[in-house]
Amino acid sequence: MPFYDYSVWIDCPQDIALVSAKKRDVNEVELFGDDDTSLLWDTVWGPNDSDYFEQFRPDLLATVLVEPQF
């Protein structure tokens, strides 16, 4: 079994990822209630994503690196 452990990293700039996440979550009232998820993305989740990337560099650990054109 040559690829028992296979990982893919999609290299997306943080600002584009945050815009996409905010658009996705704006209609998730069932999941988040009436909370403003945009604020959470700006103050908690976005910074956590940046910290994780800097600490673990998943782009360097992935089997495949996908670099889409934005």
C-alpha atoms as a PDB file:
ATOM      1  CA  MET A   1       0.000   0.000   0.000  1.00  0.00           C
ATOM      2  CA  PRO A   2       2.137   2.930  -1.219  1.00  0.00           C
ATOM      3  CA  PHE A   3      -0.039   5.789   0.097  1.00  0.00           C
ATOM      4  CA  TYR A   4      -1.282   4.812   3.506  1.00  0.00           C
ATOM      5  CA  ASP A   5      -0.604   8.357   4.703  1.00  0.00           C
ATOM      6  CA  TYR A   6      -1.395  10.977   2.062  1.00  0.00           C
ATOM      7  CA  SER A   7      -2.054  14.640   2.730  1.00  0.00           C
ATOM      8  CA  VAL A   8      -2.947  17.610   0.546  1.00  0.00           C
ATOM      9  CA  TRP A   9      -2.428  21.265   1.390  1.00  0.00           C
ATOM     10  CA  ILE A  10      -4.340  23.846  -0.625  1.00  0.00           C
ATOM     11  CA  ASP A  11      -2.255  26.991  -0.469  1.00  0.00           C
ATOM     12  CA  CYS A  12      -4.818  29.751   0.010  1.00  0.00           C
ATOM     13  CA  PRO A  13      -3.871  33.222   1.253  1.00  0.00           C
ATOM     14  CA  GLN A  14      -5.244  33.938   4.730  1.00  0.00           C
ATOM     15  CA  ASP A  15      -7.282  36.961   3.609  1.00  0.00           C
ATOM     16  CA  ILE A  16      -9.087  34.932   0.923  1.00  0.00           C
ATOM     17  CA  ALA A  17      -9.693  32.063   3.343  1.00  0.00           C
ATOM     18  CA  LEU A  18     -11.222  34.436   5.916  1.00  0.00           C
ATOM     19  CA  VAL A  19     -13.587  36.003   3.375  1.00  0.00           C
ATOM     20  CA  SER A  20     -14.697  32.548   2.258  1.00  0.00           C
ATOM     21  CA  ALA A  21     -15.208  31.328   5.832  1.00  0.00           C
ATOM     22  CA  LYS A  22     -17.260  34.405   6.752  1.00  0.00           C
ATOM     23  CA  LYS A  23     -19.489  33.968   3.696  1.00  0.00           C
ATOM     24  CA  ARG A  24     -19.985  30.297   4.516  1.00  0.00           C
ATOM     25  CA  ASP A  25     -20.853  30.901   8.165  1.00  0.00           C
ATOM     26  CA  VAL A  26     -23.223  33.846   7.701  1.00  0.00           C
ATOM     27  CA  ASN A  27     -26.093  31.454   7.015  1.00  0.00           C
ATOM     28  CA  GLU A  28     -25.225  28.939   9.755  1.00  0.00           C
ATOM     29  CA  VAL A  29     -27.628  30.319  12.356  1.00  0.00           C
ATOM     30  CA  GLU A  30     -28.494  26.768  13.483  1.00  0.00           C
ATOM     31  CA  LEU A  31     -24.854  26.122  14.320  1.00  0.00           C
ATOM     32  CA  PHE A  32     -23.835  29.481  15.809  1.00  0.00           C
ATOM     33  CA  GLY A  33     -27.138  31.029  16.876  1.00  0.00           C
ATOM     34  CA  ASP A  34     -27.347  34.769  16.375  1.00  0.00           C
ATOM     35  CA  ASP A  35     -23.659  35.305  17.145  1.00  0.00           C
ATOM     36  CA  ASP A  36     -21.625  37.397  14.742  1.00  0.00           C
ATOM     37  CA  THR A  37     -19.235  34.768  13.389  1.00  0.00           C
ATOM     38  CA  SER A  38     -17.408  37.468  11.448  1.00  0.00           C
ATOM     39  CA  LEU A  39     -16.118  38.832  14.747  1.00  0.00           C
ATOM     40  CA  LEU A  40     -15.035  35.353  15.826  1.00  0.00           C
ATOM     41  CA  TRP A  41     -13.151  34.856  12.543  1.00  0.00           C
ATOM     42  CA  ASP A  42     -11.371  38.196  13.009  1.00  0.00           C
ATOM     43  CA  THR A  43     -10.511  37.818  16.682  1.00  0.00           C
ATOM     44  CA  VAL A  44     -10.213  34.077  17.396  1.00  0.00           C
ATOM     45  CA  TRP A  45     -10.341  31.610  14.521  1.00  0.00           C
ATOM     46  CA  GLY A  46      -8.335  33.613  11.967  1.00  0.00           C
ATOM     47  CA  PRO A  47      -5.463  34.353  14.366  1.00  0.00           C
ATOM     48  CA  ASN A  48      -5.516  30.700  15.515  1.00  0.00           C
ATOM     49  CA  ASP A  49      -5.198  29.560  11.894  1.00  0.00           C
ATOM     50  CA  SER A  50      -2.227  31.885  11.383  1.00  0.00           C
ATOM     51  CA  ASP A  51      -0.535  30.671  14.564  1.00  0.00           C
ATOM     52  CA  TYR A  52      -1.051  27.027  13.582  1.00  0.00           C
ATOM     53  CA  PHE A  53       0.419  27.639  10.137  1.00  0.00           C
ATOM     54  CA  GLU A  54       3.491  29.389  11.522  1.00  0.00           C
ATOM     55  CA  GLN A  55       4.108  26.740  14.183  1.00  0.00           C
ATOM     56  CA  PHE A  56       3.510  23.559  12.160  1.00  0.00           C
ATOM     57  CA  ARG A  57       3.963  24.624   8.493  1.00  0.00           C
ATOM     58  CA  PRO A  58       1.465  22.108   7.080  1.00  0.00           C
ATOM     59  CA  ASP A  59       2.399  23.237   3.563  1.00  0.00           C
ATOM     60  CA  LEU A  60       5.853  21.747   4.059  1.00  0.00           C
ATOM     61  CA  LEU A  61       4.510  18.501   5.550  1.00  0.00           C
ATOM     62  CA  ALA A  62       1.914  17.730   2.880  1.00  0.00           C
ATOM     63  CA  THR A  63       2.424  15.035   0.276  1.00  0.00           C
ATOM     64  CA  VAL A  64       0.921  17.340  -2.350  1.00  0.00           C
ATOM     65  CA  LEU A  65       0.851  21.136  -2.454  1.00  0.00           C
ATOM     66  CA  VAL A  66      -1.940  22.667  -4.532  1.00  0.00           C
ATOM     67  CA  GLU A  67      -1.377  26.284  -5.512  1.00  0.00           C
ATOM     68  CA  PRO A  68      -4.558  27.589  -7.158  1.00  0.00           C
ATOM     69  CA  GLN A  69      -4.609  30.841  -9.096  1.00  0.00           C
ATOM     70  CA  PHE A  70      -6.741  33.416  -7.285  1.00  0.00           C
END
